[in-house]
């Protein structure tokens, strides 16, 4: 429910932005499709010695994906 309809605002202030913002054009990024390239990427990530927050941010997604794969595979094995 919007603020104008409920009486919380006198007018729709988003109308002031009409035409001021441009629509983003979609960008496509390349993906690693070869197992050898994936292995090289993983080694590079795990060898990186930067700021602890950056290291954690780099290591978390691949680790989570591996955990999800193991979970889904074990579920398939039970079915």
PDB file of N, CA and C in Angstrom:
ATOM      1  N   UNK A   1       0.863  -1.167   0.000  1.00  0.00           N
ATOM      2  CA  UNK A   1       0.000   0.000   0.000  1.00  0.00           C
ATOM      3  C   UNK A   1       0.908   1.228   0.000  1.00  0.00           C
ATOM      4  N   UNK A   2       0.553   2.240  -0.776  1.00  0.00           N
ATOM      5  CA  UNK A   2       1.443   3.396  -0.827  1.00  0.00           C
ATOM      6  C   UNK A   2       1.018   4.479   0.158  1.00  0.00           C
ATOM      7  N   UNK A   3       1.957   5.389   0.418  1.00  0.00           N
ATOM      8  CA  UNK A   3       1.760   6.408   1.446  1.00  0.00           C
ATOM      9  C   UNK A   3       0.671   7.406   1.070  1.00  0.00           C
ATOM     10  N   UNK A   4       0.493   7.716  -0.206  1.00  0.00           N
ATOM     11  CA  UNK A   4      -0.540   8.661  -0.632  1.00  0.00           C
ATOM     12  C   UNK A   4      -1.920   8.065  -0.357  1.00  0.00           C
ATOM     13  N   UNK A   5      -2.087   6.793  -0.659  1.00  0.00           N
ATOM     14  CA  UNK A   5      -3.384   6.142  -0.464  1.00  0.00           C
ATOM     15  C   UNK A   5      -3.762   6.059   1.007  1.00  0.00           C
ATOM     16  N   UNK A   6      -2.767   5.887   1.876  1.00  0.00           N
ATOM     17  CA  UNK A   6      -3.066   5.764   3.308  1.00  0.00           C
ATOM     18  C   UNK A   6      -3.104   7.111   4.015  1.00  0.00           C
ATOM     19  N   UNK A   7      -2.730   8.177   3.308  1.00  0.00           N
ATOM     20  CA  UNK A   7      -2.741   9.506   3.906  1.00  0.00           C
ATOM     21  C   UNK A   7      -1.473   9.850   4.655  1.00  0.00           C
ATOM     22  N   UNK A   8      -0.441   9.003   4.562  1.00  0.00           N
ATOM     23  CA  UNK A   8       0.824   9.273   5.238  1.00  0.00           C
ATOM     24  C   UNK A   8       1.642  10.326   4.503  1.00  0.00           C
ATOM     25  N   UNK A   9       1.370  10.524   3.224  1.00  0.00           N
ATOM     26  CA  UNK A   9       2.086  11.526   2.428  1.00  0.00           C
ATOM     27  C   UNK A   9       1.071  12.313   1.608  1.00  0.00           C
ATOM     28  N   UNK A  10       1.416  13.574   1.339  1.00  0.00           N
ATOM     29  CA  UNK A  10       0.503  14.426   0.582  1.00  0.00           C
ATOM     30  C   UNK A  10       0.567  14.145  -0.917  1.00  0.00           C
ATOM     31  N   UNK A  11       1.768  13.764  -1.410  1.00  0.00           N
ATOM     32  CA  UNK A  11       1.914  13.512  -2.837  1.00  0.00           C
ATOM     33  C   UNK A  11       2.984  12.449  -3.065  1.00  0.00           C
ATOM     34  N   UNK A  12       3.030  11.917  -4.280  1.00  0.00           N
ATOM     35  CA  UNK A  12       3.999  10.895  -4.663  1.00  0.00           C
ATOM     36  C   UNK A  12       5.293  11.592  -5.090  1.00  0.00           C
ATOM     37  N   UNK A  13       6.286  11.587  -4.212  1.00  0.00           N
ATOM     38  CA  UNK A  13       7.548  12.290  -4.502  1.00  0.00           C
ATOM     39  C   UNK A  13       8.372  11.587  -5.574  1.00  0.00           C
ATOM     40  N   UNK A  14       8.064  10.337  -5.873  1.00  0.00           N
ATOM     41  CA  UNK A  14       8.825   9.642  -6.917  1.00  0.00           C
ATOM     42  C   UNK A  14       8.548  10.233  -8.295  1.00  0.00           C
ATOM     43  N   UNK A  15       7.460  10.959  -8.442  1.00  0.00           N
ATOM     44  CA  UNK A  15       7.149  11.596  -9.723  1.00  0.00           C
ATOM     45  C   UNK A  15       8.207  12.629 -10.100  1.00  0.00           C
ATOM     46  N   UNK A  16       8.876  13.204  -9.109  1.00  0.00           N
ATOM     47  CA  UNK A  16       9.945  14.174  -9.370  1.00  0.00           C
ATOM     48  C   UNK A  16      11.146  13.516 -10.050  1.00  0.00           C
ATOM     49  N   UNK A  17      11.287  12.215  -9.913  1.00  0.00           N
ATOM     50  CA  UNK A  17      12.423  11.495 -10.488  1.00  0.00           C
ATOM     51  C   UNK A  17      12.146  10.949 -11.880  1.00  0.00           C
ATOM     52  N   UNK A  18      10.933  11.053 -12.371  1.00  0.00           N
ATOM     53  CA  UNK A  18      10.605  10.529 -13.704  1.00  0.00           C
ATOM     54  C   UNK A  18      11.520  11.166 -14.738  1.00  0.00           C
ATOM     55  N   UNK A  19      12.226  10.325 -15.492  1.00  0.00           N
ATOM     56  CA  UNK A  19      13.126  10.810 -16.531  1.00  0.00           C
ATOM     57  C   UNK A  19      14.524  11.145 -16.031  1.00  0.00           C
ATOM     58  N   UNK A  20      14.720  11.220 -14.718  1.00  0.00           N
ATOM     59  CA  UNK A  20      16.029  11.561 -14.172  1.00  0.00           C
ATOM     60  C   UNK A  20      16.943  10.346 -14.093  1.00  0.00           C
ATOM     61  N   UNK A  21      16.370   9.173 -13.946  1.00  0.00           N
ATOM     62  CA  UNK A  21      17.156   7.951 -13.835  1.00  0.00           C
ATOM     63  C   UNK A  21      17.096   7.175 -15.142  1.00  0.00           C
ATOM     64  N   UNK A  22      18.237   6.648 -15.539  1.00  0.00           N
ATOM     65  CA  UNK A  22      18.275   5.855 -16.759  1.00  0.00           C
ATOM     66  C   UNK A  22      18.198   4.374 -16.416  1.00  0.00           C
ATOM     67  N   UNK A  23      17.715   3.598 -17.347  1.00  0.00           N
ATOM     68  CA  UNK A  23      17.627   2.157 -17.161  1.00  0.00           C
ATOM     69  C   UNK A  23      18.998   1.542 -17.411  1.00  0.00           C
ATOM     70  N   UNK A  24      19.418   0.673 -16.523  1.00  0.00           N
ATOM     71  CA  UNK A  24      20.714   0.011 -16.670  1.00  0.00           C
ATOM     72  C   UNK A  24      20.650  -0.999 -17.803  1.00  0.00           C
ATOM     73  N   UNK A  25      21.723  -1.033 -18.586  1.00  0.00           N
ATOM     74  CA  UNK A  25      21.785  -2.031 -19.651  1.00  0.00           C
ATOM     75  C   UNK A  25      22.386  -3.305 -19.077  1.00  0.00           C
ATOM     76  N   UNK A  26      21.799  -4.458 -19.371  1.00  0.00           N
ATOM     77  CA  UNK A  26      22.316  -5.716 -18.817  1.00  0.00           C
ATOM     78  C   UNK A  26      23.713  -6.022 -19.357  1.00  0.00           C
ATOM     79  N   UNK A  27      24.553  -6.533 -18.484  1.00  0.00           N
ATOM     80  CA  UNK A  27      25.910  -6.918 -18.855  1.00  0.00           C
ATOM     81  C   UNK A  27      26.078  -8.400 -18.554  1.00  0.00           C
ATOM     82  N   UNK A  28      26.665  -9.104 -19.478  1.00  0.00           N
ATOM     83  CA  UNK A  28      26.877 -10.529 -19.298  1.00  0.00           C
ATOM     84  C   UNK A  28      28.353 -10.776 -19.003  1.00  0.00           C
ATOM     85  N   UNK A  29      28.616 -11.637 -18.061  1.00  0.00           N
ATOM     86  CA  UNK A  29      29.972 -11.950 -17.662  1.00  0.00           C
ATOM     87  C   UNK A  29      30.318 -13.374 -18.085  1.00  0.00           C
ATOM     88  N   UNK A  30      31.585 -13.573 -18.377  1.00  0.00           N
ATOM     89  CA  UNK A  30      32.007 -14.911 -18.779  1.00  0.00           C
ATOM     90  C   UNK A  30      31.989 -15.845 -17.575  1.00  0.00           C
ATOM     91  N   UNK A  31      31.933 -17.115 -17.855  1.00  0.00           N
ATOM     92  CA  UNK A  31      31.897 -18.123 -16.797  1.00  0.00           C
ATOM     93  C   UNK A  31      32.960 -19.180 -17.065  1.00  0.00           C
ATOM     94  N   UNK A  32      33.456 -19.750 -16.003  1.00  0.00           N
ATOM     95  CA  UNK A  32      34.409 -20.846 -16.133  1.00  0.00           C
ATOM     96  C   UNK A  32      33.615 -22.119 -16.402  1.00  0.00           C
ATOM     97  N   UNK A  33      33.938 -22.784 -17.492  1.00  0.00           N
ATOM     98  CA  UNK A  33      33.203 -23.995 -17.851  1.00  0.00           C
ATOM     99  C   UNK A  33      34.091 -25.228 -17.857  1.00  0.00           C
ATOM    100  N   UNK A  34      35.389 -25.046 -17.805  1.00  0.00           N
ATOM    101  CA  UNK A  34      36.329 -26.165 -17.822  1.00  0.00           C
ATOM    102  C   UNK A  34      36.771 -26.506 -16.404  1.00  0.00           C
ATOM    103  N   UNK A  35      36.783 -27.773 -16.023  1.00  0.00           N
ATOM    104  CA  UNK A  35      37.211 -28.166 -14.676  1.00  0.00           C
ATOM    105  C   UNK A  35      38.633 -27.695 -14.343  1.00  0.00           C
ATOM    106  N   UNK A  36      39.521 -27.708 -15.331  1.00  0.00           N
ATOM    107  CA  UNK A  36      40.901 -27.280 -15.086  1.00  0.00           C
ATOM    108  C   UNK A  36      40.945 -25.802 -14.685  1.00  0.00           C
ATOM    109  N   UNK A  37      40.161 -24.970 -15.359  1.00  0.00           N
ATOM    110  CA  UNK A  37      40.099 -23.552 -15.018  1.00  0.00           C
ATOM    111  C   UNK A  37      39.491 -23.341 -13.630  1.00  0.00           C
ATOM    112  N   UNK A  38      38.493 -24.138 -13.291  1.00  0.00           N
ATOM    113  CA  UNK A  38      37.869 -24.030 -11.968  1.00  0.00           C
ATOM    114  C   UNK A  38      38.882 -24.374 -10.881  1.00  0.00           C
ATOM    115  N   UNK A  39      39.682 -25.407 -11.130  1.00  0.00           N
ATOM    116  CA  UNK A  39      40.721 -25.783 -10.167  1.00  0.00           C
ATOM    117  C   UNK A  39      41.750 -24.682  -9.989  1.00  0.00           C
ATOM    118  N   UNK A  40      42.159 -24.054 -11.093  1.00  0.00           N
ATOM    119  CA  UNK A  40      43.122 -22.953 -11.021  1.00  0.00           C
ATOM    120  C   UNK A  40      42.542 -21.792 -10.214  1.00  0.00           C
ATOM    121  N   UNK A  41      41.274 -21.483 -10.452  1.00  0.00           N
ATOM    122  CA  UNK A  41      40.618 -20.405  -9.712  1.00  0.00           C
ATOM    123  C   UNK A  41      40.573 -20.719  -8.224  1.00  0.00           C
ATOM    124  N   UNK A  42      40.185 -21.940  -7.879  1.00  0.00           N
ATOM    125  CA  UNK A  42      40.105 -22.325  -6.467  1.00  0.00           C
ATOM    126  C   UNK A  42      41.470 -22.249  -5.794  1.00  0.00           C
ATOM    127  N   UNK A  43      42.518 -22.713  -6.478  1.00  0.00           N
ATOM    128  CA  UNK A  43      43.864 -22.614  -5.907  1.00  0.00           C
ATOM    129  C   UNK A  43      44.260 -21.165  -5.697  1.00  0.00           C
ATOM    130  N   UNK A  44      43.944 -20.308  -6.660  1.00  0.00           N
ATOM    131  CA  UNK A  44      44.267 -18.885  -6.534  1.00  0.00           C
ATOM    132  C   UNK A  44      43.539 -18.248  -5.361  1.00  0.00           C
ATOM    133  N   UNK A  45      42.272 -18.605  -5.212  1.00  0.00           N
ATOM    134  CA  UNK A  45      41.483 -18.057  -4.101  1.00  0.00           C
ATOM    135  C   UNK A  45      42.061 -18.505  -2.774  1.00  0.00           C
ATOM    136  N   UNK A  46      42.375 -19.780  -2.635  1.00  0.00           N
ATOM    137  CA  UNK A  46      42.851 -20.291  -1.354  1.00  0.00           C
ATOM    138  C   UNK A  46      44.303 -19.915  -1.068  1.00  0.00           C
ATOM    139  N   UNK A  47      45.055 -19.470  -2.086  1.00  0.00           N
ATOM    140  CA  UNK A  47      46.418 -18.991  -1.874  1.00  0.00           C
ATOM    141  C   UNK A  47      46.475 -17.495  -1.596  1.00  0.00           C
ATOM    142  N   UNK A  48      45.362 -16.788  -1.773  1.00  0.00           N
ATOM    143  CA  UNK A  48      45.323 -15.332  -1.602  1.00  0.00           C
ATOM    144  C   UNK A  48      45.549 -14.969  -0.141  1.00  0.00           C
ATOM    145  N   UNK A  49      46.424 -14.005   0.106  1.00  0.00           N
ATOM    146  CA  UNK A  49      46.738 -13.569   1.480  1.00  0.00           C
ATOM    147  C   UNK A  49      46.499 -12.073   1.628  1.00  0.00           C
ATOM    148  N   UNK A  50      45.273 -11.654   1.487  1.00  0.00           N
ATOM    149  CA  UNK A  50      44.936 -10.244   1.633  1.00  0.00           C
ATOM    150  C   UNK A  50      44.284  -9.976   2.974  1.00  0.00           C
ATOM    151  N   UNK A  51      43.459  -8.945   3.008  1.00  0.00           N
ATOM    152  CA  UNK A  51      42.727  -8.573   4.222  1.00  0.00           C
ATOM    153  C   UNK A  51      41.828  -9.749   4.630  1.00  0.00           C
ATOM    154  N   UNK A  52      41.728 -10.033   5.917  1.00  0.00           N
ATOM    155  CA  UNK A  52      40.927 -11.178   6.378  1.00  0.00           C
ATOM    156  C   UNK A  52      39.472 -11.157   5.880  1.00  0.00           C
ATOM    157  N   UNK A  53      38.868  -9.985   5.785  1.00  0.00           N
ATOM    158  CA  UNK A  53      37.489  -9.905   5.298  1.00  0.00           C
ATOM    159  C   UNK A  53      37.414 -10.313   3.824  1.00  0.00           C
ATOM    160  N   UNK A  54      38.408  -9.880   3.042  1.00  0.00           N
ATOM    161  CA  UNK A  54      38.439 -10.234   1.622  1.00  0.00           C
ATOM    162  C   UNK A  54      38.669 -11.726   1.452  1.00  0.00           C
ATOM    163  N   UNK A  55      39.578 -12.274   2.237  1.00  0.00           N
ATOM    164  CA  UNK A  55      39.858 -13.715   2.179  1.00  0.00           C
ATOM    165  C   UNK A  55      38.580 -14.497   2.492  1.00  0.00           C
ATOM    166  N   UNK A  56      37.859 -14.085   3.532  1.00  0.00           N
ATOM    167  CA  UNK A  56      36.619 -14.777   3.906  1.00  0.00           C
ATOM    168  C   UNK A  56      35.575 -14.651   2.807  1.00  0.00           C
ATOM    169  N   UNK A  57      35.452 -13.460   2.217  1.00  0.00           N
ATOM    170  CA  UNK A  57      34.464 -13.250   1.157  1.00  0.00           C
ATOM    171  C   UNK A  57      34.782 -14.084  -0.078  1.00  0.00           C
ATOM    172  N   UNK A  58      36.045 -14.289  -0.370  1.00  0.00           N
ATOM    173  CA  UNK A  58      36.435 -15.092  -1.525  1.00  0.00           C
ATOM    174  C   UNK A  58      36.239 -16.586  -1.271  1.00  0.00           C
ATOM    175  N   UNK A  59      36.489 -17.020  -0.054  1.00  0.00           N
ATOM    176  CA  UNK A  59      36.433 -18.449   0.248  1.00  0.00           C
ATOM    177  C   UNK A  59      35.024 -18.951   0.551  1.00  0.00           C
ATOM    178  N   UNK A  60      34.150 -18.093   1.025  1.00  0.00           N
ATOM    179  CA  UNK A  60      32.817 -18.538   1.439  1.00  0.00           C
ATOM    180  C   UNK A  60      31.954 -19.066   0.296  1.00  0.00           C
ATOM    181  N   UNK A  61      31.800 -18.362  -0.836  1.00  0.00           N
ATOM    182  CA  UNK A  61      30.912 -18.891  -1.887  1.00  0.00           C
ATOM    183  C   UNK A  61      31.299 -20.272  -2.413  1.00  0.00           C
ATOM    184  N   UNK A  62      32.569 -20.529  -2.763  1.00  0.00           N
ATOM    185  CA  UNK A  62      32.877 -21.877  -3.258  1.00  0.00           C
ATOM    186  C   UNK A  62      32.668 -22.950  -2.195  1.00  0.00           C
ATOM    187  N   UNK A  63      32.947 -22.622  -0.951  1.00  0.00           N
ATOM    188  CA  UNK A  63      32.764 -23.576   0.134  1.00  0.00           C
ATOM    189  C   UNK A  63      31.279 -23.893   0.305  1.00  0.00           C
ATOM    190  N   UNK A  64      30.437 -22.868   0.222  1.00  0.00           N
ATOM    191  CA  UNK A  64      28.998 -23.070   0.363  1.00  0.00           C
ATOM    192  C   UNK A  64      28.448 -23.905  -0.787  1.00  0.00           C
ATOM    193  N   UNK A  65      28.935 -23.649  -1.998  1.00  0.00           N
ATOM    194  CA  UNK A  65      28.476 -24.409  -3.160  1.00  0.00           C
ATOM    195  C   UNK A  65      28.851 -25.877  -2.999  1.00  0.00           C
ATOM    196  N   UNK A  66      30.068 -26.130  -2.548  1.00  0.00           N
ATOM    197  CA  UNK A  66      30.499 -27.522  -2.342  1.00  0.00           C
ATOM    198  C   UNK A  66      29.632 -28.205  -1.283  1.00  0.00           C
ATOM    199  N   UNK A  67      29.325 -27.486  -0.208  1.00  0.00           N
ATOM    200  CA  UNK A  67      28.485 -28.054   0.848  1.00  0.00           C
ATOM    201  C   UNK A  67      27.086 -28.350   0.316  1.00  0.00           C
ATOM    202  N   UNK A  68      26.541 -27.455  -0.488  1.00  0.00           N
ATOM    203  CA  UNK A  68      25.215 -27.677  -1.059  1.00  0.00           C
ATOM    204  C   UNK A  68      25.217 -28.870  -2.004  1.00  0.00           C
ATOM    205  N   UNK A  69      26.282 -29.007  -2.778  1.00  0.00           N
ATOM    206  CA  UNK A  69      26.378 -30.143  -3.694  1.00  0.00           C
ATOM    207  C   UNK A  69      26.406 -31.452  -2.928  1.00  0.00           C
ATOM    208  N   UNK A  70      27.216 -31.482  -1.857  1.00  0.00           N
ATOM    209  CA  UNK A  70      27.292 -32.707  -1.055  1.00  0.00           C
ATOM    210  C   UNK A  70      25.938 -33.038  -0.455  1.00  0.00           C
ATOM    211  N   UNK A  71      25.228 -31.997   0.024  1.00  0.00           N
ATOM    212  CA  UNK A  71      23.919 -32.207   0.631  1.00  0.00           C
ATOM    213  C   UNK A  71      22.928 -32.741  -0.393  1.00  0.00           C
ATOM    214  N   UNK A  72      22.902 -32.107  -1.577  1.00  0.00           N
ATOM    215  CA  UNK A  72      21.935 -32.550  -2.586  1.00  0.00           C
ATOM    216  C   UNK A  72      22.281 -33.942  -3.105  1.00  0.00           C
ATOM    217  N   UNK A  73      23.567 -34.270  -3.204  1.00  0.00           N
ATOM    218  CA  UNK A  73      23.953 -35.597  -3.647  1.00  0.00           C
ATOM    219  C   UNK A  73      23.567 -36.659  -2.618  1.00  0.00           C
ATOM    220  N   UNK A  74      23.761 -36.331  -1.343  1.00  0.00           N
ATOM    221  CA  UNK A  74      23.390 -37.311  -0.318  1.00  0.00           C
ATOM    222  C   UNK A  74      21.878 -37.508  -0.274  1.00  0.00           C
ATOM    223  N   UNK A  75      21.118 -36.462  -0.564  1.00  0.00           N
ATOM    224  CA  UNK A  75      19.666 -36.599  -0.615  1.00  0.00           C
ATOM    225  C   UNK A  75      19.255 -37.462  -1.799  1.00  0.00           C
ATOM    226  N   UNK A  76      19.951 -37.284  -2.937  1.00  0.00           N
ATOM    227  CA  UNK A  76      19.620 -38.091  -4.112  1.00  0.00           C
ATOM    228  C   UNK A  76      19.939 -39.559  -3.854  1.00  0.00           C
ATOM    229  N   UNK A  77      21.021 -39.805  -3.124  1.00  0.00           N
ATOM    230  CA  UNK A  77      21.408 -41.182  -2.819  1.00  0.00           C
ATOM    231  C   UNK A  77      20.349 -41.880  -1.966  1.00  0.00           C
ATOM    232  N   UNK A  78      19.672 -41.131  -1.105  1.00  0.00           N
ATOM    233  CA  UNK A  78      18.657 -41.715  -0.236  1.00  0.00           C
ATOM    234  C   UNK A  78      17.354 -41.976  -0.963  1.00  0.00           C
ATOM    235  N   UNK A  79      17.096 -41.231  -2.019  1.00  0.00           N
ATOM    236  CA  UNK A  79      15.818 -41.376  -2.748  1.00  0.00           C
ATOM    237  C   UNK A  79      15.775 -42.591  -3.616  1.00  0.00           C
TER     238      UNK A  79
END
